[in-house]
Amino acid sequence: MNWTQKEIHLSPKPRGFHLVTRQILEQLPELKEYRIGIAHIFICHTSASLTLNENADPDVRVDFESHFNKYVPENAPYYVHTLEGSDDMPAHIKASLLGSSVSIPIKDGAFNVGIWQGIYLCEHRNSGGSRKIIVTINGERD
């Protein structure tokens, strides 16, 4: 088995759910070397998350944002952690609900996902800034 680990950066995005599959692949040419394996993609932040979902209809991403804003509202009277703004504590909760990583199978140098699946950066802050991602690949190279 062969291992590769790489730190990549995602450009700043506004609050919401953003397809970042292409941005990840552009910074991960090593993926093409793997015949079979697993890519573990981890975000190094507590107020943003990653998930795998619909990559075709942008309405899905809008609905995700609407649902999570209703499910985890800002300015809840019971929040104690409020020093970093009204979007901060909800961002931490949303990040925990969605998770900090996804694992994706690799086949013939590409992510082996469904035709309608893409990796989302779930940006839960109004101004989250650039996001650091660690990609760890384990598998068999050609």
N, C-alpha and C. Protein backbone atom coordinates (compact mmCIF):
# COMPACT_ATOMS: atom_id res chain seq x y z
N MET A 1 0.83 -1.19 0.00
CA MET A 1 0.00 0.00 0.00
C MET A 1 0.87 1.24 0.00
N ASN A 2 0.42 2.25 -0.69
CA ASN A 2 1.12 3.53 -0.79
C ASN A 2 0.28 4.61 -0.14
N TRP A 3 0.98 5.59 0.43
CA TRP A 3 0.33 6.70 1.11
C TRP A 3 0.77 8.02 0.49
N THR A 4 -0.17 8.94 0.43
CA THR A 4 0.10 10.33 0.05
C THR A 4 -0.71 11.20 0.99
N GLN A 5 -0.10 12.26 1.49
CA GLN A 5 -0.85 13.24 2.28
C GLN A 5 -0.48 14.63 1.78
N LYS A 6 -1.51 15.44 1.59
CA LYS A 6 -1.28 16.76 1.01
C LYS A 6 -2.21 17.78 1.67
N GLU A 7 -1.65 18.95 1.93
CA GLU A 7 -2.44 20.07 2.43
C GLU A 7 -2.85 20.92 1.23
N ILE A 8 -4.12 21.19 1.12
CA ILE A 8 -4.60 22.05 0.05
C ILE A 8 -5.45 23.17 0.67
N HIS A 9 -5.66 24.21 -0.10
CA HIS A 9 -6.43 25.35 0.39
C HIS A 9 -7.59 25.64 -0.54
N LEU A 10 -8.74 25.89 0.07
CA LEU A 10 -9.92 26.28 -0.68
C LEU A 10 -10.08 27.79 -0.58
N SER A 11 -10.39 28.41 -1.68
CA SER A 11 -10.55 29.87 -1.69
C SER A 11 -11.73 30.27 -0.80
N PRO A 12 -11.69 31.49 -0.26
CA PRO A 12 -12.78 31.96 0.60
C PRO A 12 -14.11 31.92 -0.14
N LYS A 13 -15.12 31.49 0.57
CA LYS A 13 -16.48 31.40 0.03
C LYS A 13 -17.43 32.12 0.98
N PRO A 14 -18.51 32.66 0.46
CA PRO A 14 -19.52 33.23 1.35
C PRO A 14 -20.25 32.11 2.10
N ARG A 15 -20.96 32.48 3.09
CA ARG A 15 -21.74 31.51 3.85
C ARG A 15 -22.64 30.74 2.90
N GLY A 16 -22.69 29.42 3.09
CA GLY A 16 -23.52 28.56 2.25
C GLY A 16 -22.83 27.25 1.95
N PHE A 17 -23.41 26.52 1.03
CA PHE A 17 -22.93 25.20 0.64
C PHE A 17 -22.37 25.29 -0.78
N HIS A 18 -21.10 24.91 -0.94
CA HIS A 18 -20.39 25.14 -2.19
C HIS A 18 -19.76 23.85 -2.70
N LEU A 19 -19.94 23.58 -3.99
CA LEU A 19 -19.26 22.44 -4.61
C LEU A 19 -17.79 22.77 -4.74
N VAL A 20 -16.94 21.91 -4.21
CA VAL A 20 -15.50 22.15 -4.25
C VAL A 20 -14.73 20.96 -4.83
N THR A 21 -15.43 20.02 -5.40
CA THR A 21 -14.76 18.83 -5.96
C THR A 21 -13.68 19.24 -6.95
N ARG A 22 -14.01 20.10 -7.89
CA ARG A 22 -13.05 20.52 -8.92
C ARG A 22 -11.85 21.23 -8.29
N GLN A 23 -12.11 22.10 -7.31
CA GLN A 23 -11.02 22.83 -6.66
C GLN A 23 -10.07 21.87 -5.94
N ILE A 24 -10.62 20.82 -5.35
CA ILE A 24 -9.79 19.81 -4.68
C ILE A 24 -8.98 19.03 -5.73
N LEU A 25 -9.63 18.58 -6.79
CA LEU A 25 -8.95 17.80 -7.81
C LEU A 25 -7.83 18.59 -8.49
N GLU A 26 -8.03 19.87 -8.69
CA GLU A 26 -6.99 20.70 -9.33
C GLU A 26 -5.71 20.76 -8.49
N GLN A 27 -5.85 20.60 -7.18
CA GLN A 27 -4.69 20.66 -6.30
C GLN A 27 -4.19 19.27 -5.90
N LEU A 28 -4.74 18.23 -6.52
CA LEU A 28 -4.41 16.86 -6.14
C LEU A 28 -4.03 16.01 -7.36
N PRO A 29 -2.99 16.41 -8.11
CA PRO A 29 -2.61 15.62 -9.30
C PRO A 29 -2.15 14.20 -8.93
N GLU A 30 -1.72 14.00 -7.70
CA GLU A 30 -1.26 12.68 -7.25
C GLU A 30 -2.36 11.62 -7.34
N LEU A 31 -3.60 12.05 -7.31
CA LEU A 31 -4.72 11.10 -7.38
C LEU A 31 -4.63 10.22 -8.62
N LYS A 32 -4.17 10.77 -9.72
CA LYS A 32 -4.09 10.05 -10.99
C LYS A 32 -3.15 8.84 -10.93
N GLU A 33 -2.26 8.81 -9.92
CA GLU A 33 -1.31 7.71 -9.78
C GLU A 33 -1.93 6.47 -9.15
N TYR A 34 -3.12 6.60 -8.54
CA TYR A 34 -3.71 5.50 -7.78
C TYR A 34 -4.72 4.71 -8.61
N ARG A 35 -4.52 3.40 -8.65
CA ARG A 35 -5.43 2.50 -9.37
C ARG A 35 -6.67 2.23 -8.52
N ILE A 36 -6.45 2.05 -7.22
CA ILE A 36 -7.54 1.76 -6.28
C ILE A 36 -7.13 2.30 -4.91
N GLY A 37 -8.09 2.75 -4.14
CA GLY A 37 -7.76 3.24 -2.81
C GLY A 37 -8.88 4.04 -2.18
N ILE A 38 -8.51 4.78 -1.16
CA ILE A 38 -9.44 5.64 -0.42
C ILE A 38 -8.77 6.99 -0.23
N ALA A 39 -9.55 8.04 -0.45
CA ALA A 39 -9.10 9.39 -0.14
C ALA A 39 -9.89 9.87 1.07
N HIS A 40 -9.18 10.23 2.10
CA HIS A 40 -9.81 10.81 3.30
C HIS A 40 -9.57 12.31 3.22
N ILE A 41 -10.65 13.09 3.23
CA ILE A 41 -10.57 14.54 3.05
C ILE A 41 -11.07 15.18 4.34
N PHE A 42 -10.18 15.92 5.00
CA PHE A 42 -10.43 16.46 6.34
C PHE A 42 -10.28 17.98 6.33
N ILE A 43 -11.23 18.68 6.91
CA ILE A 43 -11.16 20.14 7.01
C ILE A 43 -10.64 20.52 8.40
N CYS A 44 -9.67 21.43 8.44
CA CYS A 44 -8.99 21.80 9.68
C CYS A 44 -9.64 23.03 10.34
N HIS A 45 -10.94 23.01 10.45
CA HIS A 45 -11.66 24.16 11.01
C HIS A 45 -12.86 23.67 11.81
N THR A 46 -13.31 24.50 12.76
CA THR A 46 -14.45 24.12 13.61
C THR A 46 -15.73 24.85 13.25
N SER A 47 -15.68 25.70 12.23
CA SER A 47 -16.89 26.44 11.86
C SER A 47 -17.24 26.23 10.38
N ALA A 48 -16.70 25.20 9.79
CA ALA A 48 -17.03 24.78 8.43
C ALA A 48 -16.98 23.26 8.41
N SER A 49 -17.63 22.67 7.44
CA SER A 49 -17.67 21.21 7.38
C SER A 49 -17.63 20.73 5.94
N LEU A 50 -17.59 19.42 5.79
CA LEU A 50 -17.59 18.79 4.47
C LEU A 50 -18.71 17.76 4.41
N THR A 51 -19.29 17.61 3.25
CA THR A 51 -20.25 16.53 3.03
C THR A 51 -20.27 16.20 1.55
N LEU A 52 -20.87 15.09 1.22
CA LEU A 52 -20.99 14.63 -0.16
C LEU A 52 -22.47 14.62 -0.50
N ASN A 53 -22.84 15.31 -1.60
CA ASN A 53 -24.25 15.36 -1.96
C ASN A 53 -24.43 15.77 -3.41
N GLU A 54 -25.63 16.15 -3.77
CA GLU A 54 -26.06 16.51 -5.13
C GLU A 54 -25.15 17.54 -5.78
N ASN A 55 -24.68 17.23 -6.99
CA ASN A 55 -23.78 18.16 -7.67
C ASN A 55 -24.40 18.83 -8.90
N ALA A 56 -25.68 18.56 -9.18
CA ALA A 56 -26.27 19.07 -10.41
C ALA A 56 -27.16 20.30 -10.19
N ASP A 57 -28.13 20.18 -9.34
CA ASP A 57 -29.10 21.26 -9.15
C ASP A 57 -28.66 22.17 -8.01
N PRO A 58 -28.33 23.43 -8.28
CA PRO A 58 -27.88 24.35 -7.22
C PRO A 58 -28.95 24.64 -6.18
N ASP A 59 -30.22 24.36 -6.50
CA ASP A 59 -31.29 24.56 -5.51
C ASP A 59 -31.08 23.69 -4.27
N VAL A 60 -30.44 22.54 -4.45
CA VAL A 60 -30.18 21.65 -3.31
C VAL A 60 -29.31 22.36 -2.29
N ARG A 61 -28.28 23.06 -2.76
CA ARG A 61 -27.38 23.75 -1.85
C ARG A 61 -28.09 24.92 -1.15
N VAL A 62 -28.97 25.59 -1.87
CA VAL A 62 -29.77 26.67 -1.26
C VAL A 62 -30.67 26.10 -0.18
N ASP A 63 -31.31 24.96 -0.46
CA ASP A 63 -32.19 24.33 0.52
C ASP A 63 -31.43 23.83 1.75
N PHE A 64 -30.21 23.32 1.54
CA PHE A 64 -29.37 22.94 2.68
C PHE A 64 -29.15 24.13 3.60
N GLU A 65 -28.74 25.26 3.03
CA GLU A 65 -28.48 26.45 3.83
C GLU A 65 -29.75 26.91 4.56
N SER A 66 -30.87 26.93 3.87
CA SER A 66 -32.13 27.34 4.50
C SER A 66 -32.50 26.42 5.66
N HIS A 67 -32.38 25.12 5.43
CA HIS A 67 -32.73 24.16 6.48
C HIS A 67 -31.83 24.31 7.71
N PHE A 68 -30.52 24.36 7.49
CA PHE A 68 -29.61 24.45 8.63
C PHE A 68 -29.77 25.76 9.39
N ASN A 69 -30.11 26.85 8.70
CA ASN A 69 -30.33 28.11 9.40
C ASN A 69 -31.58 28.06 10.27
N LYS A 70 -32.57 27.30 9.84
CA LYS A 70 -33.78 27.14 10.66
C LYS A 70 -33.53 26.15 11.80
N TYR A 71 -32.81 25.07 11.49
CA TYR A 71 -32.53 24.01 12.45
C TYR A 71 -31.59 24.48 13.56
N VAL A 72 -30.61 25.31 13.20
CA VAL A 72 -29.63 25.84 14.16
C VAL A 72 -29.62 27.37 14.01
N PRO A 73 -30.53 28.06 14.70
CA PRO A 73 -30.66 29.50 14.50
C PRO A 73 -29.55 30.31 15.18
N GLU A 74 -29.36 31.51 14.67
CA GLU A 74 -28.48 32.47 15.33
C GLU A 74 -29.23 33.12 16.50
N ASN A 75 -28.44 33.69 17.42
CA ASN A 75 -28.97 34.47 18.53
C ASN A 75 -29.91 33.69 19.45
N ALA A 76 -29.72 32.39 19.55
CA ALA A 76 -30.53 31.62 20.50
C ALA A 76 -30.20 32.12 21.91
N PRO A 77 -31.20 32.34 22.74
CA PRO A 77 -30.96 32.94 24.06
C PRO A 77 -30.11 32.08 24.99
N TYR A 78 -29.97 30.81 24.71
CA TYR A 78 -29.21 29.91 25.57
C TYR A 78 -27.73 29.80 25.18
N TYR A 79 -27.29 30.42 24.07
CA TYR A 79 -25.88 30.38 23.69
C TYR A 79 -25.06 31.20 24.69
N VAL A 80 -23.97 30.61 25.16
CA VAL A 80 -23.03 31.27 26.05
C VAL A 80 -21.82 31.79 25.25
N HIS A 81 -21.39 31.02 24.28
CA HIS A 81 -20.24 31.38 23.43
C HIS A 81 -20.72 32.37 22.37
N THR A 82 -20.59 33.66 22.66
CA THR A 82 -21.12 34.69 21.75
C THR A 82 -20.09 35.76 21.39
N LEU A 83 -18.87 35.68 21.90
CA LEU A 83 -17.89 36.74 21.69
C LEU A 83 -17.45 36.90 20.24
N GLU A 84 -17.55 35.86 19.43
CA GLU A 84 -17.06 35.93 18.05
C GLU A 84 -18.17 36.22 17.04
N GLY A 85 -19.32 36.65 17.49
CA GLY A 85 -20.41 37.02 16.60
C GLY A 85 -21.57 36.04 16.64
N SER A 86 -22.69 36.51 16.14
CA SER A 86 -23.91 35.71 16.21
C SER A 86 -23.87 34.48 15.30
N ASP A 87 -22.98 34.44 14.32
CA ASP A 87 -22.90 33.28 13.43
C ASP A 87 -21.92 32.21 13.92
N ASP A 88 -21.15 32.51 14.98
CA ASP A 88 -20.07 31.60 15.38
C ASP A 88 -20.57 30.33 16.07
N MET A 89 -21.34 30.44 17.13
CA MET A 89 -21.80 29.24 17.83
C MET A 89 -22.66 28.36 16.93
N PRO A 90 -23.59 28.93 16.15
CA PRO A 90 -24.32 28.08 15.21
C PRO A 90 -23.39 27.39 14.21
N ALA A 91 -22.32 28.08 13.81
CA ALA A 91 -21.36 27.47 12.88
C ALA A 91 -20.70 26.24 13.50
N HIS A 92 -20.34 26.32 14.77
CA HIS A 92 -19.74 25.15 15.44
C HIS A 92 -20.71 23.98 15.50
N ILE A 93 -21.96 24.28 15.81
CA ILE A 93 -22.97 23.21 15.90
C ILE A 93 -23.19 22.57 14.53
N LYS A 94 -23.35 23.40 13.50
CA LYS A 94 -23.56 22.88 12.14
C LYS A 94 -22.37 22.03 11.70
N ALA A 95 -21.16 22.48 12.02
CA ALA A 95 -19.96 21.72 11.64
C ALA A 95 -19.94 20.36 12.33
N SER A 96 -20.37 20.31 13.60
CA SER A 96 -20.41 19.03 14.29
C SER A 96 -21.48 18.11 13.73
N LEU A 97 -22.61 18.68 13.34
CA LEU A 97 -23.69 17.86 12.77
C LEU A 97 -23.29 17.25 11.43
N LEU A 98 -22.63 18.02 10.60
CA LEU A 98 -22.25 17.53 9.26
C LEU A 98 -20.94 16.77 9.26
N GLY A 99 -20.00 17.17 10.09
CA GLY A 99 -18.74 16.45 10.18
C GLY A 99 -17.58 17.15 9.50
N SER A 100 -16.38 16.76 9.92
CA SER A 100 -15.16 17.40 9.45
C SER A 100 -14.46 16.63 8.33
N SER A 101 -15.04 15.51 7.88
CA SER A 101 -14.34 14.75 6.84
C SER A 101 -15.30 13.91 6.01
N VAL A 102 -14.82 13.53 4.84
CA VAL A 102 -15.48 12.55 3.99
C VAL A 102 -14.41 11.58 3.51
N SER A 103 -14.79 10.34 3.31
CA SER A 103 -13.90 9.34 2.73
C SER A 103 -14.50 8.92 1.40
N ILE A 104 -13.66 8.94 0.37
CA ILE A 104 -14.15 8.69 -0.98
C ILE A 104 -13.29 7.60 -1.63
N PRO A 105 -13.93 6.59 -2.22
CA PRO A 105 -13.16 5.55 -2.91
C PRO A 105 -12.50 6.11 -4.17
N ILE A 106 -11.38 5.49 -4.50
CA ILE A 106 -10.63 5.86 -5.70
C ILE A 106 -10.63 4.66 -6.65
N LYS A 107 -10.84 4.94 -7.91
CA LYS A 107 -10.76 3.90 -8.94
C LYS A 107 -10.13 4.53 -10.19
N ASP A 108 -9.07 3.92 -10.66
CA ASP A 108 -8.40 4.34 -11.90
C ASP A 108 -8.09 5.84 -11.92
N GLY A 109 -7.52 6.33 -10.82
CA GLY A 109 -7.04 7.70 -10.77
C GLY A 109 -8.08 8.77 -10.59
N ALA A 110 -9.29 8.39 -10.17
CA ALA A 110 -10.37 9.37 -10.00
C ALA A 110 -11.21 9.00 -8.78
N PHE A 111 -11.94 9.99 -8.27
CA PHE A 111 -12.91 9.69 -7.22
C PHE A 111 -14.00 8.81 -7.82
N ASN A 112 -14.33 7.73 -7.12
CA ASN A 112 -15.34 6.78 -7.58
C ASN A 112 -16.65 7.08 -6.86
N VAL A 113 -17.30 8.15 -7.32
CA VAL A 113 -18.56 8.59 -6.71
C VAL A 113 -19.68 8.46 -7.73
N GLY A 114 -20.91 8.62 -7.26
CA GLY A 114 -22.06 8.59 -8.15
C GLY A 114 -22.05 9.77 -9.11
N ILE A 115 -22.74 9.62 -10.21
CA ILE A 115 -22.74 10.64 -11.25
C ILE A 115 -23.25 11.99 -10.74
N TRP A 116 -24.12 11.99 -9.75
CA TRP A 116 -24.69 13.24 -9.24
C TRP A 116 -24.11 13.63 -7.89
N GLN A 117 -22.96 13.10 -7.52
CA GLN A 117 -22.36 13.41 -6.22
C GLN A 117 -21.17 14.34 -6.36
N GLY A 118 -21.08 15.28 -5.42
CA GLY A 118 -19.95 16.19 -5.36
C GLY A 118 -19.63 16.52 -3.92
N ILE A 119 -18.42 16.99 -3.69
CA ILE A 119 -17.97 17.36 -2.35
C ILE A 119 -18.39 18.80 -2.09
N TYR A 120 -19.05 19.02 -0.96
CA TYR A 120 -19.46 20.36 -0.54
C TYR A 120 -18.52 20.88 0.53
N LEU A 121 -18.12 22.13 0.39
CA LEU A 121 -17.62 22.90 1.52
C LEU A 121 -18.85 23.56 2.11
N CYS A 122 -19.12 23.28 3.35
CA CYS A 122 -20.25 23.87 4.05
C CYS A 122 -19.68 25.01 4.89
N GLU A 123 -19.81 26.21 4.38
CA GLU A 123 -19.26 27.40 5.05
C GLU A 123 -20.35 27.97 5.95
N HIS A 124 -20.12 27.88 7.25
CA HIS A 124 -21.14 28.27 8.22
C HIS A 124 -20.94 29.67 8.79
N ARG A 125 -19.82 30.31 8.48
CA ARG A 125 -19.58 31.68 8.93
C ARG A 125 -19.91 32.66 7.81
N ASN A 126 -20.28 33.87 8.19
CA ASN A 126 -20.53 34.90 7.18
C ASN A 126 -19.26 35.22 6.40
N SER A 127 -18.12 35.20 7.08
CA SER A 127 -16.82 35.46 6.45
C SER A 127 -15.81 34.47 7.00
N GLY A 128 -15.83 33.27 6.47
CA GLY A 128 -14.97 32.22 7.00
C GLY A 128 -13.53 32.28 6.53
N GLY A 129 -13.29 32.90 5.40
CA GLY A 129 -11.93 32.97 4.88
C GLY A 129 -11.52 31.70 4.16
N SER A 130 -10.24 31.63 3.81
CA SER A 130 -9.67 30.46 3.17
C SER A 130 -9.77 29.26 4.11
N ARG A 131 -9.98 28.10 3.56
CA ARG A 131 -10.10 26.89 4.38
C ARG A 131 -9.02 25.88 4.01
N LYS A 132 -8.38 25.31 5.05
CA LYS A 132 -7.31 24.33 4.86
C LYS A 132 -7.91 22.93 4.93
N ILE A 133 -7.53 22.12 3.94
CA ILE A 133 -7.99 20.73 3.82
C ILE A 133 -6.76 19.83 3.80
N ILE A 134 -6.84 18.71 4.51
CA ILE A 134 -5.80 17.69 4.44
C ILE A 134 -6.41 16.47 3.72
N VAL A 135 -5.76 16.07 2.65
CA VAL A 135 -6.19 14.89 1.90
C VAL A 135 -5.15 13.80 2.13
N THR A 136 -5.61 12.66 2.62
CA THR A 136 -4.75 11.50 2.83
C THR A 136 -5.26 10.38 1.93
N ILE A 137 -4.37 9.87 1.07
CA ILE A 137 -4.74 8.80 0.15
C ILE A 137 -3.96 7.55 0.53
N ASN A 138 -4.67 6.44 0.55
CA ASN A 138 -4.06 5.14 0.76
C ASN A 138 -4.57 4.22 -0.33
N GLY A 139 -3.64 3.53 -1.00
CA GLY A 139 -4.07 2.63 -2.05
C GLY A 139 -2.93 2.07 -2.86
N GLU A 140 -3.29 1.46 -3.96
CA GLU A 140 -2.33 0.85 -4.86
C GLU A 140 -2.12 1.77 -6.06
N ARG A 141 -0.85 2.05 -6.33
CA ARG A 141 -0.52 2.88 -7.49
C ARG A 141 -0.32 2.01 -8.71
N ASP A 142 -0.45 2.64 -9.87
CA ASP A 142 -0.21 1.92 -11.14
C ASP A 142 1.23 1.49 -11.24
